[in-house]
PDB file of N, CA and C in Angstrom:
ATOM      1  N   UNK A   1     -37.262  -1.847  20.388  1.00  0.00           N
ATOM      2  CA  UNK A   1     -36.344  -0.914  20.994  1.00  0.00           C
ATOM      3  C   UNK A   1     -34.963  -1.555  21.183  1.00  0.00           C
ATOM      4  N   UNK A   2     -34.907  -2.837  21.541  1.00  0.00           N
ATOM      5  CA  UNK A   2     -33.635  -3.516  21.767  1.00  0.00           C
ATOM      6  C   UNK A   2     -32.841  -3.640  20.470  1.00  0.00           C
ATOM      7  N   UNK A   3     -33.502  -3.922  19.362  1.00  0.00           N
ATOM      8  CA  UNK A   3     -32.811  -4.039  18.074  1.00  0.00           C
ATOM      9  C   UNK A   3     -32.224  -2.690  17.670  1.00  0.00           C
ATOM     10  N   UNK A   4     -32.947  -1.627  17.896  1.00  0.00           N
ATOM     11  CA  UNK A   4     -32.450  -0.293  17.565  1.00  0.00           C
ATOM     12  C   UNK A   4     -31.189   0.024  18.367  1.00  0.00           C
ATOM     13  N   UNK A   5     -31.183  -0.305  19.644  1.00  0.00           N
ATOM     14  CA  UNK A   5     -29.996  -0.073  20.477  1.00  0.00           C
ATOM     15  C   UNK A   5     -28.819  -0.918  19.997  1.00  0.00           C
ATOM     16  N   UNK A   6     -29.101  -2.139  19.629  1.00  0.00           N
ATOM     17  CA  UNK A   6     -28.066  -3.036  19.130  1.00  0.00           C
ATOM     18  C   UNK A   6     -27.475  -2.512  17.820  1.00  0.00           C
ATOM     19  N   UNK A   7     -28.326  -2.015  16.941  1.00  0.00           N
ATOM     20  CA  UNK A   7     -27.858  -1.464  15.664  1.00  0.00           C
ATOM     21  C   UNK A   7     -27.005  -0.209  15.856  1.00  0.00           C
ATOM     22  N   UNK A   8     -27.210   0.478  16.936  1.00  0.00           N
ATOM     23  CA  UNK A   8     -26.384   1.643  17.260  1.00  0.00           C
ATOM     24  C   UNK A   8     -25.105   1.201  17.967  1.00  0.00           C
ATOM     25  N   UNK A   9     -25.220   0.249  18.866  1.00  0.00           N
ATOM     26  CA  UNK A   9     -24.073  -0.170  19.682  1.00  0.00           C
ATOM     27  C   UNK A   9     -23.013  -0.932  18.881  1.00  0.00           C
ATOM     28  N   UNK A  10     -23.410  -1.804  17.982  1.00  0.00           N
ATOM     29  CA  UNK A  10     -22.439  -2.621  17.245  1.00  0.00           C
ATOM     30  C   UNK A  10     -21.461  -1.800  16.406  1.00  0.00           C
ATOM     31  N   UNK A  11     -21.917  -0.844  15.612  1.00  0.00           N
ATOM     32  CA  UNK A  11     -20.948  -0.019  14.870  1.00  0.00           C
ATOM     33  C   UNK A  11     -20.040   0.795  15.792  1.00  0.00           C
ATOM     34  N   UNK A  12     -20.588   1.277  16.908  1.00  0.00           N
ATOM     35  CA  UNK A  12     -19.758   2.024  17.852  1.00  0.00           C
ATOM     36  C   UNK A  12     -18.705   1.129  18.482  1.00  0.00           C
ATOM     37  N   UNK A  13     -19.067  -0.098  18.779  1.00  0.00           N
ATOM     38  CA  UNK A  13     -18.129  -1.070  19.324  1.00  0.00           C
ATOM     39  C   UNK A  13     -17.015  -1.361  18.317  1.00  0.00           C
ATOM     40  N   UNK A  14     -17.373  -1.561  17.078  1.00  0.00           N
ATOM     41  CA  UNK A  14     -16.389  -1.826  16.020  1.00  0.00           C
ATOM     42  C   UNK A  14     -15.435  -0.641  15.839  1.00  0.00           C
ATOM     43  N   UNK A  15     -15.967   0.550  15.793  1.00  0.00           N
ATOM     44  CA  UNK A  15     -15.136   1.753  15.656  1.00  0.00           C
ATOM     45  C   UNK A  15     -14.208   1.905  16.857  1.00  0.00           C
ATOM     46  N   UNK A  16     -14.723   1.664  18.051  1.00  0.00           N
ATOM     47  CA  UNK A  16     -13.899   1.756  19.253  1.00  0.00           C
ATOM     48  C   UNK A  16     -12.783   0.725  19.262  1.00  0.00           C
ATOM     49  N   UNK A  17     -13.087  -0.483  18.827  1.00  0.00           N
ATOM     50  CA  UNK A  17     -12.085  -1.556  18.772  1.00  0.00           C
ATOM     51  C   UNK A  17     -10.976  -1.208  17.780  1.00  0.00           C
ATOM     52  N   UNK A  18     -11.346  -0.749  16.592  1.00  0.00           N
ATOM     53  CA  UNK A  18     -10.349  -0.369  15.581  1.00  0.00           C
ATOM     54  C   UNK A  18      -9.525   0.810  16.072  1.00  0.00           C
ATOM     55  N   UNK A  19     -10.165   1.797  16.683  1.00  0.00           N
ATOM     56  CA  UNK A  19      -9.436   2.951  17.218  1.00  0.00           C
ATOM     57  C   UNK A  19      -8.451   2.530  18.294  1.00  0.00           C
ATOM     58  N   UNK A  20      -8.852   1.617  19.161  1.00  0.00           N
ATOM     59  CA  UNK A  20      -7.951   1.129  20.208  1.00  0.00           C
ATOM     60  C   UNK A  20      -6.738   0.440  19.601  1.00  0.00           C
ATOM     61  N   UNK A  21      -6.946  -0.421  18.615  1.00  0.00           N
ATOM     62  CA  UNK A  21      -5.828  -1.094  17.947  1.00  0.00           C
ATOM     63  C   UNK A  21      -4.884  -0.085  17.299  1.00  0.00           C
ATOM     64  N   UNK A  22      -5.445   0.909  16.624  1.00  0.00           N
ATOM     65  CA  UNK A  22      -4.618   1.910  15.952  1.00  0.00           C
ATOM     66  C   UNK A  22      -3.816   2.739  16.955  1.00  0.00           C
ATOM     67  N   UNK A  23      -4.426   3.107  18.071  1.00  0.00           N
ATOM     68  CA  UNK A  23      -3.733   3.906  19.085  1.00  0.00           C
ATOM     69  C   UNK A  23      -2.613   3.097  19.726  1.00  0.00           C
ATOM     70  N   UNK A  24      -2.890   1.860  20.071  1.00  0.00           N
ATOM     71  CA  UNK A  24      -1.861   1.004  20.675  1.00  0.00           C
ATOM     72  C   UNK A  24      -0.696   0.816  19.708  1.00  0.00           C
ATOM     73  N   UNK A  25      -0.991   0.594  18.436  1.00  0.00           N
ATOM     74  CA  UNK A  25       0.068   0.413  17.441  1.00  0.00           C
ATOM     75  C   UNK A  25       0.881   1.706  17.287  1.00  0.00           C
ATOM     76  N   UNK A  26       0.207   2.846  17.241  1.00  0.00           N
ATOM     77  CA  UNK A  26       0.902   4.126  17.059  1.00  0.00           C
ATOM     78  C   UNK A  26       1.758   4.484  18.273  1.00  0.00           C
ATOM     79  N   UNK A  27       1.354   4.046  19.462  1.00  0.00           N
ATOM     80  CA  UNK A  27       2.098   4.382  20.677  1.00  0.00           C
ATOM     81  C   UNK A  27       3.212   3.387  20.986  1.00  0.00           C
ATOM     82  N   UNK A  28       3.481   2.502  20.058  1.00  0.00           N
ATOM     83  CA  UNK A  28       4.619   1.604  20.241  1.00  0.00           C
ATOM     84  C   UNK A  28       4.266   0.190  20.593  1.00  0.00           C
ATOM     85  N   UNK A  29       3.025  -0.204  20.394  1.00  0.00           N
ATOM     86  CA  UNK A  29       2.653  -1.591  20.625  1.00  0.00           C
ATOM     87  C   UNK A  29       3.428  -2.495  19.681  1.00  0.00           C
ATOM     88  N   UNK A  30       3.777  -3.661  20.142  1.00  0.00           N
ATOM     89  CA  UNK A  30       4.567  -4.555  19.306  1.00  0.00           C
ATOM     90  C   UNK A  30       3.671  -5.543  18.587  1.00  0.00           C
ATOM     91  N   UNK A  31       3.946  -5.720  17.328  1.00  0.00           N
ATOM     92  CA  UNK A  31       3.263  -6.699  16.492  1.00  0.00           C
ATOM     93  C   UNK A  31       4.266  -7.144  15.433  1.00  0.00           C
ATOM     94  N   UNK A  32       4.186  -8.393  15.009  1.00  0.00           N
ATOM     95  CA  UNK A  32       5.129  -8.885  14.003  1.00  0.00           C
ATOM     96  C   UNK A  32       4.983  -8.195  12.647  1.00  0.00           C
ATOM     97  N   UNK A  33       3.803  -7.631  12.392  1.00  0.00           N
ATOM     98  CA  UNK A  33       3.553  -6.997  11.096  1.00  0.00           C
ATOM     99  C   UNK A  33       2.513  -5.897  11.279  1.00  0.00           C
ATOM    100  N   UNK A  34       2.263  -5.189  10.192  1.00  0.00           N
ATOM    101  CA  UNK A  34       1.261  -4.122  10.214  1.00  0.00           C
ATOM    102  C   UNK A  34       0.270  -4.350   9.082  1.00  0.00           C
ATOM    103  N   UNK A  35      -0.970  -4.014   9.334  1.00  0.00           N
ATOM    104  CA  UNK A  35      -2.060  -4.164   8.377  1.00  0.00           C
ATOM    105  C   UNK A  35      -2.562  -2.772   8.018  1.00  0.00           C
ATOM    106  N   UNK A  36      -2.602  -2.463   6.728  1.00  0.00           N
ATOM    107  CA  UNK A  36      -3.087  -1.163   6.261  1.00  0.00           C
ATOM    108  C   UNK A  36      -4.325  -1.399   5.406  1.00  0.00           C
ATOM    109  N   UNK A  37      -5.523  -1.098   5.939  1.00  0.00           N
ATOM    110  CA  UNK A  37      -6.729  -1.263   5.132  1.00  0.00           C
ATOM    111  C   UNK A  37      -6.898  -0.094   4.167  1.00  0.00           C
ATOM    112  N   UNK A  38      -7.417  -0.384   3.006  1.00  0.00           N
ATOM    113  CA  UNK A  38      -7.677   0.619   1.981  1.00  0.00           C
ATOM    114  C   UNK A  38      -6.470   1.536   1.757  1.00  0.00           C
ATOM    115  N   UNK A  39      -5.317   0.962   1.393  1.00  0.00           N
ATOM    116  CA  UNK A  39      -4.113   1.781   1.223  1.00  0.00           C
ATOM    117  C   UNK A  39      -4.223   2.694   0.011  1.00  0.00           C
ATOM    118  N   UNK A  40      -3.584   3.860   0.068  1.00  0.00           N
ATOM    119  CA  UNK A  40      -3.537   4.716  -1.117  1.00  0.00           C
ATOM    120  C   UNK A  40      -2.832   3.965  -2.255  1.00  0.00           C
ATOM    121  N   UNK A  41      -3.170   4.290  -3.476  1.00  0.00           N
ATOM    122  CA  UNK A  41      -2.603   3.583  -4.632  1.00  0.00           C
ATOM    123  C   UNK A  41      -1.082   3.640  -4.679  1.00  0.00           C
ATOM    124  N   UNK A  42      -0.502   4.735  -4.227  1.00  0.00           N
ATOM    125  CA  UNK A  42       0.951   4.899  -4.329  1.00  0.00           C
ATOM    126  C   UNK A  42       1.708   4.495  -3.063  1.00  0.00           C
ATOM    127  N   UNK A  43       1.029   3.913  -2.087  1.00  0.00           N
ATOM    128  CA  UNK A  43       1.702   3.552  -0.837  1.00  0.00           C
ATOM    129  C   UNK A  43       2.838   2.565  -1.086  1.00  0.00           C
ATOM    130  N   UNK A  44       2.612   1.533  -1.855  1.00  0.00           N
ATOM    131  CA  UNK A  44       3.650   0.520  -2.099  1.00  0.00           C
ATOM    132  C   UNK A  44       4.890   1.138  -2.741  1.00  0.00           C
ATOM    133  N   UNK A  45       4.714   2.102  -3.600  1.00  0.00           N
ATOM    134  CA  UNK A  45       5.852   2.751  -4.253  1.00  0.00           C
ATOM    135  C   UNK A  45       6.590   3.703  -3.318  1.00  0.00           C
ATOM    136  N   UNK A  46       5.912   4.215  -2.298  1.00  0.00           N
ATOM    137  CA  UNK A  46       6.513   5.179  -1.373  1.00  0.00           C
ATOM    138  C   UNK A  46       7.167   4.539  -0.148  1.00  0.00           C
ATOM    139  N   UNK A  47       7.119   3.220  -0.042  1.00  0.00           N
ATOM    140  CA  UNK A  47       7.662   2.553   1.138  1.00  0.00           C
ATOM    141  C   UNK A  47       9.184   2.566   1.141  1.00  0.00           C
ATOM    142  N   UNK A  48       9.789   2.739   2.313  1.00  0.00           N
ATOM    143  CA  UNK A  48      11.240   2.579   2.425  1.00  0.00           C
ATOM    144  C   UNK A  48      11.632   1.147   2.043  1.00  0.00           C
ATOM    145  N   UNK A  49      12.869   0.969   1.628  1.00  0.00           N
ATOM    146  CA  UNK A  49      13.330  -0.327   1.117  1.00  0.00           C
ATOM    147  C   UNK A  49      13.316  -1.447   2.154  1.00  0.00           C
ATOM    148  N   UNK A  50      13.419  -1.100   3.427  1.00  0.00           N
ATOM    149  CA  UNK A  50      13.463  -2.156   4.445  1.00  0.00           C
ATOM    150  C   UNK A  50      12.084  -2.625   4.916  1.00  0.00           C
ATOM    151  N   UNK A  51      11.029  -2.096   4.325  1.00  0.00           N
ATOM    152  CA  UNK A  51       9.677  -2.548   4.637  1.00  0.00           C
ATOM    153  C   UNK A  51       9.242  -3.508   3.537  1.00  0.00           C
ATOM    154  N   UNK A  52       8.858  -4.717   3.949  1.00  0.00           N
ATOM    155  CA  UNK A  52       8.488  -5.763   3.013  1.00  0.00           C
ATOM    156  C   UNK A  52       6.977  -5.958   3.001  1.00  0.00           C
ATOM    157  N   UNK A  53       6.418  -6.084   1.814  1.00  0.00           N
ATOM    158  CA  UNK A  53       4.997  -6.391   1.681  1.00  0.00           C
ATOM    159  C   UNK A  53       4.855  -7.916   1.777  1.00  0.00           C
ATOM    160  N   UNK A  54       4.128  -8.377   2.785  1.00  0.00           N
ATOM    161  CA  UNK A  54       3.953  -9.819   2.974  1.00  0.00           C
ATOM    162  C   UNK A  54       2.573 -10.298   2.545  1.00  0.00           C
ATOM    163  N   UNK A  55       1.678  -9.369   2.301  1.00  0.00           N
ATOM    164  CA  UNK A  55       0.341  -9.717   1.825  1.00  0.00           C
ATOM    165  C   UNK A  55      -0.267  -8.529   1.124  1.00  0.00           C
ATOM    166  N   UNK A  56      -0.998  -8.816   0.059  1.00  0.00           N
ATOM    167  CA  UNK A  56      -1.591  -7.730  -0.716  1.00  0.00           C
ATOM    168  C   UNK A  56      -2.924  -8.186  -1.270  1.00  0.00           C
ATOM    169  N   UNK A  57      -3.899  -7.303  -1.194  1.00  0.00           N
ATOM    170  CA  UNK A  57      -5.182  -7.529  -1.849  1.00  0.00           C
ATOM    171  C   UNK A  57      -5.656  -6.183  -2.384  1.00  0.00           C
ATOM    172  N   UNK A  58      -6.787  -6.196  -3.022  1.00  0.00           N
ATOM    173  CA  UNK A  58      -7.333  -4.938  -3.534  1.00  0.00           C
ATOM    174  C   UNK A  58      -7.728  -4.000  -2.405  1.00  0.00           C
ATOM    175  N   UNK A  59      -7.922  -4.550  -1.206  1.00  0.00           N
ATOM    176  CA  UNK A  59      -8.398  -3.750  -0.077  1.00  0.00           C
ATOM    177  C   UNK A  59      -7.388  -3.538   1.029  1.00  0.00           C
ATOM    178  N   UNK A  60      -6.214  -4.186   0.958  1.00  0.00           N
ATOM    179  CA  UNK A  60      -5.285  -4.056   2.077  1.00  0.00           C
ATOM    180  C   UNK A  60      -3.860  -4.426   1.706  1.00  0.00           C
ATOM    181  N   UNK A  61      -2.947  -4.007   2.580  1.00  0.00           N
ATOM    182  CA  UNK A  61      -1.549  -4.421   2.517  1.00  0.00           C
ATOM    183  C   UNK A  61      -1.156  -4.910   3.903  1.00  0.00           C
ATOM    184  N   UNK A  62      -0.359  -5.960   3.932  1.00  0.00           N
ATOM    185  CA  UNK A  62       0.240  -6.414   5.172  1.00  0.00           C
ATOM    186  C   UNK A  62       1.734  -6.266   5.005  1.00  0.00           C
ATOM    187  N   UNK A  63       2.382  -5.602   5.959  1.00  0.00           N
ATOM    188  CA  UNK A  63       3.783  -5.244   5.824  1.00  0.00           C
ATOM    189  C   UNK A  63       4.577  -5.662   7.045  1.00  0.00           C
ATOM    190  N   UNK A  64       5.873  -5.850   6.840  1.00  0.00           N
ATOM    191  CA  UNK A  64       6.756  -6.265   7.919  1.00  0.00           C
ATOM    192  C   UNK A  64       8.070  -5.501   7.786  1.00  0.00           C
ATOM    193  N   UNK A  65       8.666  -5.191   8.937  1.00  0.00           N
ATOM    194  CA  UNK A  65       9.977  -4.559   8.974  1.00  0.00           C
ATOM    195  C   UNK A  65      10.605  -4.829  10.332  1.00  0.00           C
ATOM    196  N   UNK A  66      11.917  -4.879  10.355  1.00  0.00           N
ATOM    197  CA  UNK A  66      12.631  -5.050  11.618  1.00  0.00           C
ATOM    198  C   UNK A  66      12.738  -3.730  12.379  1.00  0.00           C
ATOM    199  N   UNK A  67      12.456  -2.615  11.732  1.00  0.00           N
ATOM    200  CA  UNK A  67      12.531  -1.303  12.373  1.00  0.00           C
ATOM    201  C   UNK A  67      11.469  -1.182  13.461  1.00  0.00           C
ATOM    202  N   UNK A  68      11.815  -0.520  14.546  1.00  0.00           N
ATOM    203  CA  UNK A  68      10.884  -0.364  15.668  1.00  0.00           C
ATOM    204  C   UNK A  68       9.781   0.652  15.387  1.00  0.00           C
ATOM    205  N   UNK A  69      10.010   1.558  14.483  1.00  0.00           N
ATOM    206  CA  UNK A  69       9.053   2.632  14.237  1.00  0.00           C
ATOM    207  C   UNK A  69       8.228   2.392  12.975  1.00  0.00           C
ATOM    208  N   UNK A  70       7.841   1.146  12.727  1.00  0.00           N
ATOM    209  CA  UNK A  70       7.088   0.801  11.518  1.00  0.00           C
ATOM    210  C   UNK A  70       5.804   1.620  11.358  1.00  0.00           C
ATOM    211  N   UNK A  71       4.943   1.747  12.374  1.00  0.00           N
ATOM    212  CA  UNK A  71       3.719   2.522  12.172  1.00  0.00           C
ATOM    213  C   UNK A  71       3.986   3.966  11.744  1.00  0.00           C
ATOM    214  N   UNK A  72       4.916   4.635  12.399  1.00  0.00           N
ATOM    215  CA  UNK A  72       5.217   6.030  12.040  1.00  0.00           C
ATOM    216  C   UNK A  72       5.721   6.126  10.601  1.00  0.00           C
ATOM    217  N   UNK A  73       6.545   5.173  10.200  1.00  0.00           N
ATOM    218  CA  UNK A  73       7.080   5.177   8.837  1.00  0.00           C
ATOM    219  C   UNK A  73       5.983   4.915   7.810  1.00  0.00           C
ATOM    220  N   UNK A  74       5.012   4.073   8.168  1.00  0.00           N
ATOM    221  CA  UNK A  74       3.896   3.816   7.246  1.00  0.00           C
ATOM    222  C   UNK A  74       2.993   5.034   7.123  1.00  0.00           C
ATOM    223  N   UNK A  75       2.725   5.704   8.252  1.00  0.00           N
ATOM    224  CA  UNK A  75       1.932   6.932   8.186  1.00  0.00           C
ATOM    225  C   UNK A  75       2.662   7.981   7.345  1.00  0.00           C
ATOM    226  N   UNK A  76       3.968   8.091   7.518  1.00  0.00           N
ATOM    227  CA  UNK A  76       4.758   9.054   6.746  1.00  0.00           C
ATOM    228  C   UNK A  76       4.737   8.720   5.246  1.00  0.00           C
ATOM    229  N   UNK A  77       4.630   7.442   4.926  1.00  0.00           N
ATOM    230  CA  UNK A  77       4.597   7.013   3.522  1.00  0.00           C
ATOM    231  C   UNK A  77       3.220   7.171   2.889  1.00  0.00           C
ATOM    232  N   UNK A  78       2.197   7.492   3.701  1.00  0.00           N
ATOM    233  CA  UNK A  78       0.878   7.754   3.138  1.00  0.00           C
ATOM    234  C   UNK A  78      -0.255   6.892   3.647  1.00  0.00           C
ATOM    235  N   UNK A  79       0.021   5.947   4.542  1.00  0.00           N
ATOM    236  CA  UNK A  79      -1.059   5.121   5.099  1.00  0.00           C
ATOM    237  C   UNK A  79      -1.972   5.984   5.951  1.00  0.00           C
ATOM    238  N   UNK A  80      -3.262   5.747   5.877  1.00  0.00           N
ATOM    239  CA  UNK A  80      -4.194   6.537   6.687  1.00  0.00           C
ATOM    240  C   UNK A  80      -4.570   5.819   7.977  1.00  0.00           C
ATOM    241  N   UNK A  81      -4.357   4.488   8.020  1.00  0.00           N
ATOM    242  CA  UNK A  81      -4.651   3.716   9.215  1.00  0.00           C
ATOM    243  C   UNK A  81      -3.709   2.519   9.258  1.00  0.00           C
ATOM    244  N   UNK A  82      -3.056   2.305  10.397  1.00  0.00           N
ATOM    245  CA  UNK A  82      -2.122   1.185  10.570  1.00  0.00           C
ATOM    246  C   UNK A  82      -2.583   0.381  11.789  1.00  0.00           C
ATOM    247  N   UNK A  83      -2.833  -0.902  11.548  1.00  0.00           N
ATOM    248  CA  UNK A  83      -3.298  -1.800  12.605  1.00  0.00           C
ATOM    249  C   UNK A  83      -2.297  -2.930  12.790  1.00  0.00           C
ATOM    250  N   UNK A  84      -2.268  -3.539  13.974  1.00  0.00           N
ATOM    251  CA  UNK A  84      -1.355  -4.660  14.189  1.00  0.00           C
ATOM    252  C   UNK A  84      -1.787  -5.875  13.374  1.00  0.00           C
ATOM    253  N   UNK A  85      -0.803  -6.653  12.945  1.00  0.00           N
ATOM    254  CA  UNK A  85      -1.079  -7.888  12.191  1.00  0.00           C
ATOM    255  C   UNK A  85      -0.096  -8.957  12.624  1.00  0.00           C
ATOM    256  N   UNK A  86      -0.479 -10.184  12.404  1.00  0.00           N
ATOM    257  CA  UNK A  86       0.414 -11.295  12.670  1.00  0.00           C
ATOM    258  C   UNK A  86       0.494 -11.724  14.113  1.00  0.00           C
ATOM    259  N   UNK A  87      -0.390 -11.219  14.946  1.00  0.00           N
ATOM    260  CA  UNK A  87      -0.386 -11.621  16.350  1.00  0.00           C
ATOM    261  C   UNK A  87      -0.993 -13.014  16.474  1.00  0.00           C
ATOM    262  N   UNK A  88      -0.352 -13.873  17.218  1.00  0.00           N
ATOM    263  CA  UNK A  88      -0.799 -15.262  17.325  1.00  0.00           C
ATOM    264  C   UNK A  88      -2.217 -15.370  17.863  1.00  0.00           C
ATOM    265  N   UNK A  89      -2.589 -14.541  18.801  1.00  0.00           N
ATOM    266  CA  UNK A  89      -3.918 -14.623  19.402  1.00  0.00           C
ATOM    267  C   UNK A  89      -5.024 -14.233  18.435  1.00  0.00           C
ATOM    268  N   UNK A  90      -4.679 -13.581  17.325  1.00  0.00           N
ATOM    269  CA  UNK A  90      -5.682 -13.148  16.352  1.00  0.00           C
ATOM    270  C   UNK A  90      -6.128 -14.285  15.434  1.00  0.00           C
ATOM    271  N   UNK A  91      -5.395 -15.387  15.451  1.00  0.00           N
ATOM    272  CA  UNK A  91      -5.715 -16.505  14.572  1.00  0.00           C
ATOM    273  C   UNK A  91      -6.446 -17.564  15.397  1.00  0.00           C
ATOM    274  N   UNK A  92      -7.653 -17.920  14.995  1.00  0.00           N
ATOM    275  CA  UNK A  92      -8.371 -18.947  15.745  1.00  0.00           C
ATOM    276  C   UNK A  92      -7.591 -20.263  15.768  1.00  0.00           C
ATOM    277  N   UNK A  93      -7.721 -21.003  16.844  1.00  0.00           N
ATOM    278  CA  UNK A  93      -6.991 -22.260  17.004  1.00  0.00           C
ATOM    279  C   UNK A  93      -7.204 -23.229  15.848  1.00  0.00           C
ATOM    280  N   UNK A  94      -8.422 -23.311  15.321  1.00  0.00           N
ATOM    281  CA  UNK A  94      -8.681 -24.287  14.268  1.00  0.00           C
ATOM    282  C   UNK A  94      -8.013 -23.914  12.937  1.00  0.00           C
ATOM    283  N   UNK A  95      -7.532 -22.681  12.800  1.00  0.00           N
ATOM    284  CA  UNK A  95      -6.845 -22.271  11.574  1.00  0.00           C
ATOM    285  C   UNK A  95      -5.332 -22.365  11.683  1.00  0.00           C
ATOM    286  N   UNK A  96      -4.825 -22.577  12.858  1.00  0.00           N
ATOM    287  CA  UNK A  96      -3.382 -22.661  13.058  1.00  0.00           C
ATOM    288  C   UNK A  96      -2.856 -24.010  12.594  1.00  0.00           C
ATOM    289  N   UNK A  97      -1.671 -23.965  11.996  1.00  0.00           N
ATOM    290  CA  UNK A  97      -1.020 -25.216  11.623  1.00  0.00           C
ATOM    291  C   UNK A  97      -0.422 -25.826  12.870  1.00  0.00           C
ATOM    292  N   UNK A  98      -0.606 -27.095  13.021  1.00  0.00           N
ATOM    293  CA  UNK A  98      -0.007 -27.784  14.159  1.00  0.00           C
ATOM    294  C   UNK A  98       0.930 -28.856  13.639  1.00  0.00           C
ATOM    295  N   UNK A  99       2.020 -29.040  14.334  1.00  0.00           N
ATOM    296  CA  UNK A  99       2.949 -30.088  13.938  1.00  0.00           C
ATOM    297  C   UNK A  99       2.462 -31.414  14.479  1.00  0.00           C
ATOM    298  N   UNK A 100       2.615 -32.457  13.702  1.00  0.00           N
ATOM    299  CA  UNK A 100       2.147 -33.768  14.195  1.00  0.00           C
ATOM    300  C   UNK A 100       2.957 -34.196  15.409  1.00  0.00           C
ATOM    301  N   UNK A 101       2.272 -34.683  16.391  1.00  0.00           N
ATOM    302  CA  UNK A 101       2.928 -35.119  17.621  1.00  0.00           C
ATOM    303  C   UNK A 101       3.472 -36.527  17.436  1.00  0.00           C
ATOM    304  N   UNK A 102       4.631 -36.750  18.003  1.00  0.00           N
ATOM    305  CA  UNK A 102       5.228 -38.084  17.938  1.00  0.00           C
ATOM    306  C   UNK A 102       4.470 -39.022  18.865  1.00  0.00           C
ATOM    307  N   UNK A 103       4.256 -40.272  18.456  1.00  0.00           N
ATOM    308  CA  UNK A 103       3.518 -41.197  19.324  1.00  0.00           C
ATOM    309  C   UNK A 103       4.248 -41.562  20.569  1.00  0.00           C
TER     310      UNK A 103
END
């Protein structure tokens, strides 16, 4: 019975977490960049000129712009989901580059 509850709870937790990130980003949350999972094929061609693609894979785009309304502009360009990207807390400490300390 516990495994069945866990199998139900984990996907709901994941969906809730993604929904929370998307809502915060859409309502004006600040992030250095935006992450678009499963972008439409023509999204890159429909982007305004001041939006820069900083990462690309077959499954996602990572974009950056100095404009304050980046999420709204990405939705207008055809993105179906915009999540925050580039937040320092999202990168585990062991993956961060550290500068060598002076002795």
